[in-house]
Amino acid sequence: MLDTYAALAARGEHLLHDLLGGQLPQQWQHYPEDDSIDPDGGYQWFYHSHSPEDRPDASEHGHFHLFARRPLWSRRLQSKAERTFAALTGHPDKHVTTRHLLAIGMDAKGLPVSLFTVNSWVTGDLMLSASGTERILADMRLRTGHDAIDNVLECVVALCMDEIRMILEARDAALSANKRRTVLEDTQLEVLSSRAIALDAKLNA
């Protein structure tokens, strides 16, 4: 990750330079428009930003949403952990091709500053159990063609597995506390768990 940022600095480029085409990002716009997909590994991501009014307490410039595509999770659905998680969330029967894994908040300099999880209505797909999500993230190797971003996302996940485990457990606790079978569609529940991260401290440890 340090090598990636050093190379960007040497070229005078922001991490998002190529992704944004040198333009200022538009709020709510997906970058890239059809998401960035790793067809071999089965992962997917996009970047976007909210309006300041929508996230008044957030320090982020925007965030990445990370997903697993069907080959990564379809065979896991019959495991005990996934059956228990499906029961917790009302046995959703959506036919979707992705499962949301994690969101990574970025500051205006292009540095990761937070991790968080969101409810299913936010991204329009579904989730996996905390243990299933953690395993898929632990195996994540991104090859989407956006090499600098892929590297940074991989490194953040590798460095922050303890924090990821905590927010996934907090996510499931928040879902469990809502007894409605339609919990995944409850628009009062958007961000289910979050945690600030300080990568400088980790890298200097």
N, C-alpha and C. Protein backbone atom coordinates (compact mmCIF):
# COMPACT_ATOMS: atom_id res chain seq x y z
N MET A 1 0.82 -1.20 0.00
CA MET A 1 0.00 0.00 0.00
C MET A 1 0.86 1.26 0.00
N LEU A 2 1.93 1.24 0.79
CA LEU A 2 2.84 2.39 0.80
C LEU A 2 3.46 2.61 -0.57
N ASP A 3 3.83 1.52 -1.23
CA ASP A 3 4.40 1.64 -2.58
C ASP A 3 3.39 2.24 -3.55
N THR A 4 2.12 1.85 -3.40
CA THR A 4 1.07 2.38 -4.29
C THR A 4 0.93 3.88 -4.11
N TYR A 5 0.84 4.33 -2.86
CA TYR A 5 0.70 5.77 -2.62
C TYR A 5 1.96 6.54 -3.00
N ALA A 6 3.13 5.92 -2.82
CA ALA A 6 4.38 6.59 -3.22
C ALA A 6 4.42 6.77 -4.73
N ALA A 7 3.97 5.76 -5.48
CA ALA A 7 3.96 5.86 -6.94
C ALA A 7 2.97 6.93 -7.40
N LEU A 8 1.82 7.01 -6.73
CA LEU A 8 0.84 8.04 -7.07
C LEU A 8 1.40 9.43 -6.79
N ALA A 9 2.08 9.58 -5.66
CA ALA A 9 2.65 10.88 -5.30
C ALA A 9 3.72 11.29 -6.31
N ALA A 10 4.54 10.32 -6.76
CA ALA A 10 5.59 10.63 -7.73
C ALA A 10 5.01 11.13 -9.05
N ARG A 11 3.79 10.65 -9.38
CA ARG A 11 3.13 11.10 -10.61
C ARG A 11 2.23 12.30 -10.37
N GLY A 12 2.10 12.71 -9.12
CA GLY A 12 1.22 13.82 -8.78
C GLY A 12 -0.24 13.48 -8.98
N GLU A 13 -0.62 12.25 -8.72
CA GLU A 13 -1.99 11.78 -8.96
C GLU A 13 -2.69 11.38 -7.67
N HIS A 14 -3.97 11.57 -7.65
CA HIS A 14 -4.85 11.11 -6.58
C HIS A 14 -5.19 9.65 -6.83
N LEU A 15 -5.50 8.91 -5.78
CA LEU A 15 -5.89 7.50 -5.93
C LEU A 15 -7.04 7.34 -6.92
N LEU A 16 -7.95 8.31 -6.95
CA LEU A 16 -9.15 8.20 -7.78
C LEU A 16 -8.98 8.84 -9.16
N HIS A 17 -7.76 9.27 -9.49
CA HIS A 17 -7.55 10.04 -10.71
C HIS A 17 -8.08 9.31 -11.94
N ASP A 18 -7.64 8.09 -12.15
CA ASP A 18 -8.07 7.35 -13.34
C ASP A 18 -9.54 7.01 -13.28
N LEU A 19 -10.01 6.65 -12.10
CA LEU A 19 -11.42 6.26 -11.94
C LEU A 19 -12.36 7.41 -12.30
N LEU A 20 -11.97 8.62 -11.91
CA LEU A 20 -12.82 9.79 -12.15
C LEU A 20 -12.52 10.46 -13.49
N GLY A 21 -11.53 9.96 -14.20
CA GLY A 21 -11.17 10.58 -15.47
C GLY A 21 -10.70 12.01 -15.33
N GLY A 22 -10.12 12.32 -14.18
CA GLY A 22 -9.63 13.68 -13.96
C GLY A 22 -10.70 14.70 -13.65
N GLN A 23 -11.95 14.25 -13.53
CA GLN A 23 -13.07 15.14 -13.26
C GLN A 23 -13.44 15.12 -11.77
N LEU A 24 -14.16 16.14 -11.33
CA LEU A 24 -14.68 16.13 -9.96
C LEU A 24 -15.80 15.10 -9.86
N PRO A 25 -15.88 14.37 -8.76
CA PRO A 25 -16.94 13.37 -8.64
C PRO A 25 -18.31 14.01 -8.47
N GLN A 26 -19.31 13.39 -9.04
CA GLN A 26 -20.69 13.83 -8.88
C GLN A 26 -21.33 13.00 -7.77
N GLN A 27 -22.03 13.68 -6.87
CA GLN A 27 -22.67 12.97 -5.77
C GLN A 27 -23.65 11.92 -6.29
N TRP A 28 -23.60 10.74 -5.65
CA TRP A 28 -24.46 9.59 -5.92
C TRP A 28 -24.09 8.83 -7.20
N GLN A 29 -23.20 9.37 -8.01
CA GLN A 29 -22.81 8.68 -9.24
C GLN A 29 -21.92 7.49 -8.91
N HIS A 30 -22.18 6.35 -9.55
CA HIS A 30 -21.30 5.19 -9.40
C HIS A 30 -20.04 5.38 -10.23
N TYR A 31 -18.90 5.05 -9.64
CA TYR A 31 -17.64 5.05 -10.38
C TYR A 31 -16.97 3.70 -10.18
N PRO A 32 -16.76 2.94 -11.27
CA PRO A 32 -17.28 3.20 -12.62
C PRO A 32 -18.79 2.99 -12.68
N GLU A 33 -19.39 3.44 -13.77
CA GLU A 33 -20.85 3.45 -13.87
C GLU A 33 -21.45 2.06 -13.70
N ASP A 34 -20.82 1.05 -14.28
CA ASP A 34 -21.33 -0.32 -14.18
C ASP A 34 -20.55 -1.15 -13.17
N ASP A 35 -19.90 -0.50 -12.22
CA ASP A 35 -19.09 -1.14 -11.19
C ASP A 35 -17.81 -1.73 -11.78
N SER A 36 -16.87 -1.96 -10.90
CA SER A 36 -15.59 -2.56 -11.29
C SER A 36 -15.63 -4.03 -10.88
N ILE A 37 -15.46 -4.93 -11.85
CA ILE A 37 -15.71 -6.35 -11.63
C ILE A 37 -14.45 -7.17 -11.88
N ASP A 38 -14.17 -8.07 -10.96
CA ASP A 38 -13.11 -9.05 -11.12
C ASP A 38 -13.77 -10.35 -11.58
N PRO A 39 -13.79 -10.64 -12.88
CA PRO A 39 -14.55 -11.79 -13.38
C PRO A 39 -13.99 -13.13 -12.93
N ASP A 40 -12.70 -13.18 -12.66
CA ASP A 40 -12.09 -14.45 -12.24
C ASP A 40 -12.21 -14.67 -10.74
N GLY A 41 -11.95 -13.63 -9.97
CA GLY A 41 -12.00 -13.78 -8.51
C GLY A 41 -13.40 -13.75 -7.94
N GLY A 42 -14.32 -13.07 -8.64
CA GLY A 42 -15.70 -13.03 -8.17
C GLY A 42 -16.03 -11.87 -7.26
N TYR A 43 -15.21 -10.82 -7.30
CA TYR A 43 -15.45 -9.64 -6.47
C TYR A 43 -15.89 -8.45 -7.33
N GLN A 44 -16.44 -7.45 -6.66
CA GLN A 44 -16.98 -6.29 -7.37
C GLN A 44 -16.94 -5.10 -6.42
N TRP A 45 -16.71 -3.91 -6.97
CA TRP A 45 -16.76 -2.71 -6.13
C TRP A 45 -17.18 -1.50 -6.95
N PHE A 46 -17.65 -0.48 -6.26
CA PHE A 46 -17.83 0.83 -6.87
C PHE A 46 -17.57 1.90 -5.81
N TYR A 47 -17.31 3.11 -6.28
CA TYR A 47 -17.07 4.25 -5.40
C TYR A 47 -18.18 5.27 -5.62
N HIS A 48 -18.64 5.89 -4.55
CA HIS A 48 -19.52 7.03 -4.71
C HIS A 48 -19.50 7.89 -3.46
N SER A 49 -20.11 9.05 -3.55
CA SER A 49 -20.17 9.98 -2.42
C SER A 49 -21.59 10.44 -2.21
N HIS A 50 -21.90 10.73 -0.95
CA HIS A 50 -23.21 11.26 -0.59
C HIS A 50 -23.13 12.78 -0.48
N SER A 51 -24.28 13.41 -0.42
CA SER A 51 -24.31 14.85 -0.19
C SER A 51 -23.96 15.12 1.28
N PRO A 52 -23.37 16.27 1.60
CA PRO A 52 -23.06 16.60 3.00
C PRO A 52 -24.30 16.57 3.89
N GLU A 53 -25.45 16.94 3.33
CA GLU A 53 -26.67 16.94 4.11
C GLU A 53 -27.10 15.53 4.49
N ASP A 54 -26.76 14.57 3.64
CA ASP A 54 -27.13 13.19 3.90
C ASP A 54 -26.25 12.55 4.96
N ARG A 55 -25.00 12.99 5.03
CA ARG A 55 -24.06 12.45 6.02
C ARG A 55 -23.43 13.60 6.80
N PRO A 56 -24.23 14.31 7.62
CA PRO A 56 -23.72 15.54 8.26
C PRO A 56 -22.55 15.30 9.22
N ASP A 57 -22.46 14.12 9.82
CA ASP A 57 -21.40 13.87 10.80
C ASP A 57 -20.21 13.12 10.21
N ALA A 58 -20.25 12.84 8.93
CA ALA A 58 -19.19 12.05 8.31
C ALA A 58 -18.03 12.94 7.87
N SER A 59 -16.83 12.43 8.02
CA SER A 59 -15.63 13.16 7.57
C SER A 59 -15.17 12.64 6.22
N GLU A 60 -15.88 11.68 5.66
CA GLU A 60 -15.42 11.05 4.43
C GLU A 60 -15.71 11.90 3.20
N HIS A 61 -14.89 11.69 2.18
CA HIS A 61 -15.12 12.26 0.86
C HIS A 61 -16.10 11.39 0.09
N GLY A 62 -15.98 10.09 0.28
CA GLY A 62 -16.85 9.11 -0.36
C GLY A 62 -16.46 7.74 0.15
N HIS A 63 -16.98 6.69 -0.48
CA HIS A 63 -16.65 5.36 0.01
C HIS A 63 -16.77 4.31 -1.09
N PHE A 64 -16.06 3.22 -0.86
CA PHE A 64 -16.14 2.05 -1.73
C PHE A 64 -17.11 1.05 -1.12
N HIS A 65 -17.95 0.47 -1.96
CA HIS A 65 -18.76 -0.68 -1.55
C HIS A 65 -18.14 -1.91 -2.18
N LEU A 66 -17.89 -2.93 -1.36
CA LEU A 66 -17.32 -4.19 -1.82
C LEU A 66 -18.39 -5.27 -1.83
N PHE A 67 -18.40 -6.08 -2.90
CA PHE A 67 -19.40 -7.14 -3.05
C PHE A 67 -18.73 -8.46 -3.44
N ALA A 68 -19.42 -9.55 -3.13
CA ALA A 68 -19.06 -10.87 -3.65
C ALA A 68 -20.10 -11.26 -4.70
N ARG A 69 -19.63 -11.73 -5.85
CA ARG A 69 -20.52 -12.20 -6.89
C ARG A 69 -20.91 -13.66 -6.65
N ARG A 70 -21.92 -14.12 -7.35
CA ARG A 70 -22.56 -15.40 -7.04
C ARG A 70 -21.61 -16.59 -6.86
N PRO A 71 -20.61 -16.80 -7.71
CA PRO A 71 -19.77 -18.00 -7.53
C PRO A 71 -19.13 -18.09 -6.15
N LEU A 72 -18.90 -16.95 -5.50
CA LEU A 72 -18.23 -16.95 -4.20
C LEU A 72 -19.14 -17.39 -3.06
N TRP A 73 -20.44 -17.20 -3.22
CA TRP A 73 -21.32 -17.45 -2.07
C TRP A 73 -22.44 -18.45 -2.31
N SER A 74 -22.73 -18.80 -3.55
CA SER A 74 -23.92 -19.62 -3.82
C SER A 74 -23.86 -20.97 -3.11
N ARG A 75 -22.68 -21.58 -3.04
CA ARG A 75 -22.58 -22.90 -2.40
C ARG A 75 -22.58 -22.82 -0.88
N ARG A 76 -22.44 -21.63 -0.34
CA ARG A 76 -22.40 -21.46 1.11
C ARG A 76 -23.78 -21.35 1.73
N LEU A 77 -24.81 -21.14 0.92
CA LEU A 77 -26.12 -20.78 1.46
C LEU A 77 -26.75 -21.89 2.29
N GLN A 78 -26.34 -23.13 2.10
CA GLN A 78 -26.91 -24.22 2.87
C GLN A 78 -26.12 -24.53 4.14
N SER A 79 -25.08 -23.76 4.42
CA SER A 79 -24.33 -23.98 5.65
C SER A 79 -25.17 -23.55 6.85
N LYS A 80 -24.82 -24.08 8.02
CA LYS A 80 -25.56 -23.73 9.23
C LYS A 80 -25.52 -22.23 9.50
N ALA A 81 -24.34 -21.62 9.31
CA ALA A 81 -24.21 -20.18 9.58
C ALA A 81 -25.12 -19.36 8.67
N GLU A 82 -25.20 -19.73 7.39
CA GLU A 82 -26.03 -18.96 6.47
C GLU A 82 -27.52 -19.22 6.68
N ARG A 83 -27.88 -20.44 7.06
CA ARG A 83 -29.29 -20.70 7.36
C ARG A 83 -29.73 -19.93 8.60
N THR A 84 -28.85 -19.87 9.60
CA THR A 84 -29.16 -19.10 10.81
C THR A 84 -29.29 -17.61 10.49
N PHE A 85 -28.38 -17.11 9.64
CA PHE A 85 -28.43 -15.70 9.27
C PHE A 85 -29.69 -15.39 8.45
N ALA A 86 -30.07 -16.30 7.56
CA ALA A 86 -31.29 -16.09 6.78
C ALA A 86 -32.51 -16.02 7.69
N ALA A 87 -32.54 -16.86 8.72
CA ALA A 87 -33.66 -16.82 9.67
C ALA A 87 -33.67 -15.50 10.44
N LEU A 88 -32.48 -15.02 10.79
CA LEU A 88 -32.35 -13.75 11.51
C LEU A 88 -32.93 -12.60 10.70
N THR A 89 -32.76 -12.66 9.39
CA THR A 89 -33.18 -11.55 8.51
C THR A 89 -34.49 -11.86 7.77
N GLY A 90 -35.26 -12.80 8.28
CA GLY A 90 -36.59 -13.02 7.73
C GLY A 90 -36.64 -13.86 6.47
N HIS A 91 -35.63 -14.69 6.24
CA HIS A 91 -35.58 -15.57 5.06
C HIS A 91 -35.86 -14.80 3.76
N PRO A 92 -35.05 -13.78 3.43
CA PRO A 92 -35.29 -13.01 2.19
C PRO A 92 -35.18 -13.91 0.97
N ASP A 93 -36.04 -13.67 0.00
CA ASP A 93 -36.05 -14.52 -1.20
C ASP A 93 -35.70 -13.76 -2.47
N LYS A 94 -34.97 -12.65 -2.33
CA LYS A 94 -34.53 -11.90 -3.50
C LYS A 94 -33.59 -12.76 -4.35
N HIS A 95 -33.74 -12.64 -5.65
CA HIS A 95 -32.82 -13.31 -6.57
C HIS A 95 -31.83 -12.25 -7.07
N VAL A 96 -30.70 -12.18 -6.41
CA VAL A 96 -29.71 -11.16 -6.72
C VAL A 96 -28.37 -11.85 -6.98
N THR A 97 -27.49 -11.13 -7.66
CA THR A 97 -26.21 -11.74 -8.06
C THR A 97 -25.06 -11.36 -7.14
N THR A 98 -25.28 -10.46 -6.19
CA THR A 98 -24.20 -10.04 -5.31
C THR A 98 -24.63 -10.09 -3.85
N ARG A 99 -23.63 -10.18 -3.00
CA ARG A 99 -23.80 -10.02 -1.55
C ARG A 99 -22.86 -8.91 -1.10
N HIS A 100 -23.41 -7.94 -0.36
CA HIS A 100 -22.60 -6.83 0.11
C HIS A 100 -21.69 -7.30 1.23
N LEU A 101 -20.41 -6.94 1.14
CA LEU A 101 -19.42 -7.37 2.12
C LEU A 101 -19.05 -6.27 3.11
N LEU A 102 -18.76 -5.07 2.60
CA LEU A 102 -18.15 -4.05 3.43
C LEU A 102 -18.12 -2.74 2.68
N ALA A 103 -18.14 -1.63 3.42
CA ALA A 103 -17.89 -0.31 2.83
C ALA A 103 -16.66 0.29 3.49
N ILE A 104 -15.85 0.97 2.70
CA ILE A 104 -14.61 1.60 3.18
C ILE A 104 -14.67 3.08 2.89
N GLY A 105 -14.71 3.90 3.94
CA GLY A 105 -14.77 5.35 3.79
C GLY A 105 -13.40 5.94 3.48
N MET A 106 -13.38 6.94 2.61
CA MET A 106 -12.14 7.58 2.18
C MET A 106 -12.21 9.08 2.47
N ASP A 107 -11.07 9.67 2.81
CA ASP A 107 -11.06 11.12 2.97
C ASP A 107 -10.73 11.79 1.64
N ALA A 108 -10.68 13.12 1.66
CA ALA A 108 -10.48 13.87 0.41
C ALA A 108 -9.10 13.63 -0.19
N LYS A 109 -8.14 13.17 0.61
CA LYS A 109 -6.80 12.88 0.09
C LYS A 109 -6.71 11.50 -0.55
N GLY A 110 -7.80 10.74 -0.46
CA GLY A 110 -7.77 9.39 -1.02
C GLY A 110 -7.22 8.35 -0.06
N LEU A 111 -7.32 8.62 1.24
CA LEU A 111 -6.83 7.69 2.26
C LEU A 111 -8.01 7.05 2.98
N PRO A 112 -7.93 5.76 3.28
CA PRO A 112 -9.03 5.08 3.99
C PRO A 112 -9.12 5.57 5.44
N VAL A 113 -10.33 5.88 5.88
CA VAL A 113 -10.51 6.41 7.23
C VAL A 113 -11.55 5.67 8.05
N SER A 114 -12.37 4.80 7.42
CA SER A 114 -13.41 4.13 8.19
C SER A 114 -13.85 2.85 7.49
N LEU A 115 -14.49 2.00 8.27
CA LEU A 115 -15.15 0.80 7.78
C LEU A 115 -16.59 0.84 8.27
N PHE A 116 -17.52 0.41 7.43
CA PHE A 116 -18.90 0.35 7.92
C PHE A 116 -19.71 -0.66 7.12
N THR A 117 -20.86 -1.03 7.67
CA THR A 117 -21.79 -1.93 7.00
C THR A 117 -23.12 -1.23 6.83
N VAL A 118 -23.87 -1.62 5.82
CA VAL A 118 -25.16 -1.00 5.55
C VAL A 118 -26.23 -2.06 5.40
N ASN A 119 -27.46 -1.63 5.58
CA ASN A 119 -28.60 -2.52 5.42
C ASN A 119 -28.81 -2.86 3.95
N SER A 120 -29.54 -3.94 3.69
CA SER A 120 -29.65 -4.44 2.33
C SER A 120 -30.39 -3.49 1.39
N TRP A 121 -31.34 -2.72 1.90
CA TRP A 121 -32.08 -1.82 1.01
C TRP A 121 -31.17 -0.74 0.42
N VAL A 122 -30.06 -0.45 1.08
CA VAL A 122 -29.15 0.59 0.61
C VAL A 122 -28.52 0.20 -0.73
N THR A 123 -28.10 -1.05 -0.85
CA THR A 123 -27.40 -1.50 -2.06
C THR A 123 -28.28 -2.36 -2.96
N GLY A 124 -29.45 -2.77 -2.47
CA GLY A 124 -30.37 -3.51 -3.31
C GLY A 124 -30.05 -4.98 -3.46
N ASP A 125 -29.12 -5.48 -2.65
CA ASP A 125 -28.84 -6.91 -2.72
C ASP A 125 -29.05 -7.53 -1.34
N LEU A 126 -28.25 -8.49 -0.94
CA LEU A 126 -28.37 -9.12 0.36
C LEU A 126 -27.00 -9.22 1.02
N MET A 127 -26.98 -9.82 2.21
CA MET A 127 -25.74 -10.00 2.96
C MET A 127 -25.51 -11.47 3.24
N LEU A 128 -24.34 -11.78 3.77
CA LEU A 128 -24.01 -13.10 4.28
C LEU A 128 -23.77 -12.99 5.78
N SER A 129 -23.69 -14.11 6.44
CA SER A 129 -23.39 -14.11 7.87
C SER A 129 -22.05 -13.44 8.12
N ALA A 130 -21.83 -13.04 9.37
CA ALA A 130 -20.56 -12.41 9.73
C ALA A 130 -19.39 -13.33 9.43
N SER A 131 -19.52 -14.61 9.78
CA SER A 131 -18.41 -15.55 9.56
C SER A 131 -18.18 -15.78 8.06
N GLY A 132 -19.26 -15.90 7.29
CA GLY A 132 -19.12 -16.09 5.85
C GLY A 132 -18.52 -14.88 5.17
N THR A 133 -18.93 -13.70 5.59
CA THR A 133 -18.39 -12.46 5.03
C THR A 133 -16.91 -12.33 5.34
N GLU A 134 -16.55 -12.64 6.57
CA GLU A 134 -15.14 -12.54 6.98
C GLU A 134 -14.27 -13.47 6.15
N ARG A 135 -14.73 -14.70 5.91
CA ARG A 135 -13.93 -15.65 5.13
C ARG A 135 -13.74 -15.18 3.69
N ILE A 136 -14.80 -14.65 3.11
CA ILE A 136 -14.69 -14.18 1.72
C ILE A 136 -13.75 -12.98 1.64
N LEU A 137 -13.82 -12.08 2.61
CA LEU A 137 -12.92 -10.93 2.62
C LEU A 137 -11.47 -11.37 2.85
N ALA A 138 -11.27 -12.35 3.71
CA ALA A 138 -9.90 -12.81 4.00
C ALA A 138 -9.24 -13.38 2.75
N ASP A 139 -10.03 -13.93 1.85
CA ASP A 139 -9.49 -14.51 0.61
C ASP A 139 -9.44 -13.53 -0.55
N MET A 140 -9.81 -12.29 -0.32
CA MET A 140 -9.99 -11.35 -1.42
C MET A 140 -8.69 -11.00 -2.12
N ARG A 141 -8.66 -11.22 -3.43
CA ARG A 141 -7.59 -10.77 -4.31
C ARG A 141 -8.27 -10.11 -5.51
N LEU A 142 -8.05 -8.83 -5.69
CA LEU A 142 -8.77 -8.06 -6.69
C LEU A 142 -7.95 -7.90 -7.97
N ARG A 143 -8.58 -8.16 -9.08
CA ARG A 143 -7.97 -7.95 -10.39
C ARG A 143 -9.02 -7.34 -11.31
N THR A 144 -9.36 -6.10 -11.06
CA THR A 144 -10.41 -5.45 -11.84
C THR A 144 -9.85 -4.57 -12.95
N GLY A 145 -8.54 -4.38 -12.97
CA GLY A 145 -7.92 -3.47 -13.94
C GLY A 145 -7.62 -2.10 -13.36
N HIS A 146 -8.15 -1.81 -12.15
CA HIS A 146 -7.83 -0.57 -11.44
C HIS A 146 -6.79 -0.94 -10.38
N ASP A 147 -5.54 -1.08 -10.81
CA ASP A 147 -4.53 -1.72 -9.96
C ASP A 147 -4.29 -0.99 -8.64
N ALA A 148 -4.18 0.33 -8.68
CA ALA A 148 -3.88 1.07 -7.45
C ALA A 148 -5.01 0.92 -6.45
N ILE A 149 -6.25 1.08 -6.90
CA ILE A 149 -7.40 0.95 -6.01
C ILE A 149 -7.52 -0.48 -5.51
N ASP A 150 -7.37 -1.45 -6.40
CA ASP A 150 -7.43 -2.85 -5.98
C ASP A 150 -6.43 -3.13 -4.87
N ASN A 151 -5.22 -2.62 -5.03
CA ASN A 151 -4.18 -2.86 -4.03
C ASN A 151 -4.53 -2.24 -2.69
N VAL A 152 -5.02 -1.00 -2.72
CA VAL A 152 -5.36 -0.32 -1.47
C VAL A 152 -6.52 -1.04 -0.77
N LEU A 153 -7.53 -1.44 -1.51
CA LEU A 153 -8.65 -2.15 -0.89
C LEU A 153 -8.21 -3.47 -0.29
N GLU A 154 -7.38 -4.21 -1.01
CA GLU A 154 -6.85 -5.47 -0.48
C GLU A 154 -6.09 -5.23 0.82
N CYS A 155 -5.23 -4.22 0.82
CA CYS A 155 -4.38 -3.96 1.98
C CYS A 155 -5.20 -3.51 3.18
N VAL A 156 -6.20 -2.68 2.96
CA VAL A 156 -7.05 -2.24 4.07
C VAL A 156 -7.73 -3.43 4.71
N VAL A 157 -8.27 -4.32 3.90
CA VAL A 157 -8.94 -5.50 4.44
C VAL A 157 -7.95 -6.37 5.21
N ALA A 158 -6.75 -6.58 4.66
CA ALA A 158 -5.76 -7.42 5.32
C ALA A 158 -5.31 -6.81 6.65
N LEU A 159 -5.13 -5.50 6.68
CA LEU A 159 -4.67 -4.82 7.89
C LEU A 159 -5.74 -4.72 8.97
N CYS A 160 -7.00 -4.75 8.56
CA CYS A 160 -8.09 -4.41 9.48
C CYS A 160 -9.05 -5.57 9.75
N MET A 161 -8.56 -6.81 9.66
CA MET A 161 -9.46 -7.93 9.87
C MET A 161 -10.07 -7.94 11.27
N ASP A 162 -9.33 -7.51 12.28
CA ASP A 162 -9.90 -7.47 13.63
C ASP A 162 -11.07 -6.48 13.69
N GLU A 163 -10.87 -5.30 13.10
CA GLU A 163 -11.94 -4.30 13.09
C GLU A 163 -13.12 -4.77 12.24
N ILE A 164 -12.83 -5.45 11.14
CA ILE A 164 -13.90 -5.96 10.29
C ILE A 164 -14.73 -6.98 11.05
N ARG A 165 -14.08 -7.86 11.78
CA ARG A 165 -14.81 -8.84 12.58
C ARG A 165 -15.73 -8.14 13.58
N MET A 166 -15.24 -7.08 14.20
CA MET A 166 -16.04 -6.35 15.19
C MET A 166 -17.27 -5.71 14.56
N ILE A 167 -17.10 -5.07 13.39
CA ILE A 167 -18.26 -4.39 12.82
C ILE A 167 -19.25 -5.38 12.21
N LEU A 168 -18.77 -6.54 11.77
CA LEU A 168 -19.70 -7.55 11.29
C LEU A 168 -20.53 -8.12 12.44
N GLU A 169 -19.89 -8.35 13.57
CA GLU A 169 -20.63 -8.82 14.74
C GLU A 169 -21.61 -7.75 15.22
N ALA A 170 -21.20 -6.48 15.18
CA ALA A 170 -22.11 -5.39 15.56
C ALA A 170 -23.26 -5.26 14.57
N ARG A 171 -22.98 -5.48 13.28
CA ARG A 171 -24.03 -5.48 12.26
C ARG A 171 -25.10 -6.51 12.57
N ASP A 172 -24.67 -7.74 12.86
CA ASP A 172 -25.63 -8.81 13.13
C ASP A 172 -26.40 -8.55 14.42
N ALA A 173 -25.74 -7.92 15.39
CA ALA A 173 -26.44 -7.57 16.63
C ALA A 173 -27.51 -6.52 16.36
N ALA A 174 -27.22 -5.56 15.49
CA ALA A 174 -28.21 -4.53 15.14
C ALA A 174 -29.39 -5.15 14.41
N LEU A 175 -29.14 -6.11 13.53
CA LEU A 175 -30.23 -6.79 12.83
C LEU A 175 -31.05 -7.62 13.79
N SER A 176 -30.37 -8.29 14.72
CA SER A 176 -31.06 -9.15 15.68
C SER A 176 -31.95 -8.34 16.62
N ALA A 177 -31.54 -7.11 16.93
CA ALA A 177 -32.32 -6.27 17.84
C ALA A 177 -33.63 -5.81 17.21
N ASN A 178 -33.72 -5.85 15.88
CA ASN A 178 -34.95 -5.49 15.18
C ASN A 178 -35.73 -6.77 14.89
N LYS A 179 -36.87 -6.92 15.52
CA LYS A 179 -37.61 -8.18 15.46
C LYS A 179 -38.50 -8.30 14.23
N ARG A 180 -38.53 -7.28 13.39
CA ARG A 180 -39.42 -7.33 12.22
C ARG A 180 -38.83 -8.24 11.15
N ARG A 181 -39.68 -9.01 10.49
CA ARG A 181 -39.23 -9.88 9.41
C ARG A 181 -38.76 -9.06 8.21
N THR A 182 -39.17 -7.82 8.16
CA THR A 182 -38.78 -6.95 7.04
C THR A 182 -37.60 -6.05 7.42
N VAL A 183 -36.76 -6.52 8.33
CA VAL A 183 -35.66 -5.70 8.83
C VAL A 183 -34.76 -5.22 7.70
N LEU A 184 -34.57 -6.01 6.66
CA LEU A 184 -33.67 -5.62 5.57
C LEU A 184 -34.23 -4.48 4.72
N GLU A 185 -35.52 -4.21 4.86
CA GLU A 185 -36.15 -3.12 4.12
C GLU A 185 -36.46 -1.91 5.01
N ASP A 186 -36.02 -1.94 6.25
CA ASP A 186 -36.31 -0.87 7.20
C ASP A 186 -35.42 0.33 6.91
N THR A 187 -35.98 1.36 6.33
CA THR A 187 -35.19 2.53 5.94
C THR A 187 -34.72 3.36 7.14
N GLN A 188 -35.22 3.02 8.33
CA GLN A 188 -34.69 3.67 9.54
C GLN A 188 -33.34 3.08 9.93
N LEU A 189 -33.02 1.93 9.35
CA LEU A 189 -31.73 1.28 9.59
C LEU A 189 -30.91 1.37 8.31
N GLU A 190 -29.97 2.26 8.27
CA GLU A 190 -29.12 2.43 7.08
C GLU A 190 -27.72 1.92 7.38
N VAL A 191 -26.94 2.69 8.13
CA VAL A 191 -25.61 2.23 8.55
C VAL A 191 -25.80 1.37 9.80
N LEU A 192 -25.44 0.09 9.70
CA LEU A 192 -25.67 -0.85 10.80
C LEU A 192 -24.52 -0.88 11.79
N SER A 193 -23.32 -0.61 11.35
CA SER A 193 -22.16 -0.58 12.23
C SER A 193 -21.04 0.18 11.53
N SER A 194 -20.15 0.77 12.32
CA SER A 194 -19.05 1.53 11.72
C SER A 194 -17.89 1.62 12.71
N ARG A 195 -16.73 1.90 12.15
CA ARG A 195 -15.54 2.04 12.99
C ARG A 195 -14.50 2.87 12.24
N ALA A 196 -13.96 3.86 12.92
CA ALA A 196 -12.86 4.63 12.34
C ALA A 196 -11.59 3.78 12.33
N ILE A 197 -10.74 3.99 11.35
CA ILE A 197 -9.47 3.27 11.29
C ILE A 197 -8.32 4.27 11.15
N ALA A 198 -7.20 3.92 11.73
CA ALA A 198 -5.99 4.76 11.66
C ALA A 198 -4.87 3.89 11.09
N LEU A 199 -4.73 3.90 9.78
CA LEU A 199 -3.76 3.02 9.14
C LEU A 199 -2.33 3.41 9.46
N ASP A 200 -2.07 4.69 9.71
CA ASP A 200 -0.71 5.11 10.08
C ASP A 200 -0.22 4.35 11.30
N ALA A 201 -1.11 4.23 12.29
CA ALA A 201 -0.72 3.53 13.52
C ALA A 201 -0.44 2.07 13.23
N LYS A 202 -1.23 1.45 12.38
CA LYS A 202 -1.02 0.04 12.04
C LYS A 202 0.29 -0.16 11.29
N LEU A 203 0.55 0.73 10.35
CA LEU A 203 1.74 0.58 9.52
C LEU A 203 3.02 0.88 10.30
N ASN A 204 2.90 1.69 11.36
CA ASN A 204 4.06 2.03 12.16
C ASN A 204 4.26 1.11 13.36
N ALA A 205 3.31 0.18 13.56
CA ALA A 205 3.39 -0.70 14.72
C ALA A 205 4.58 -1.65 14.60
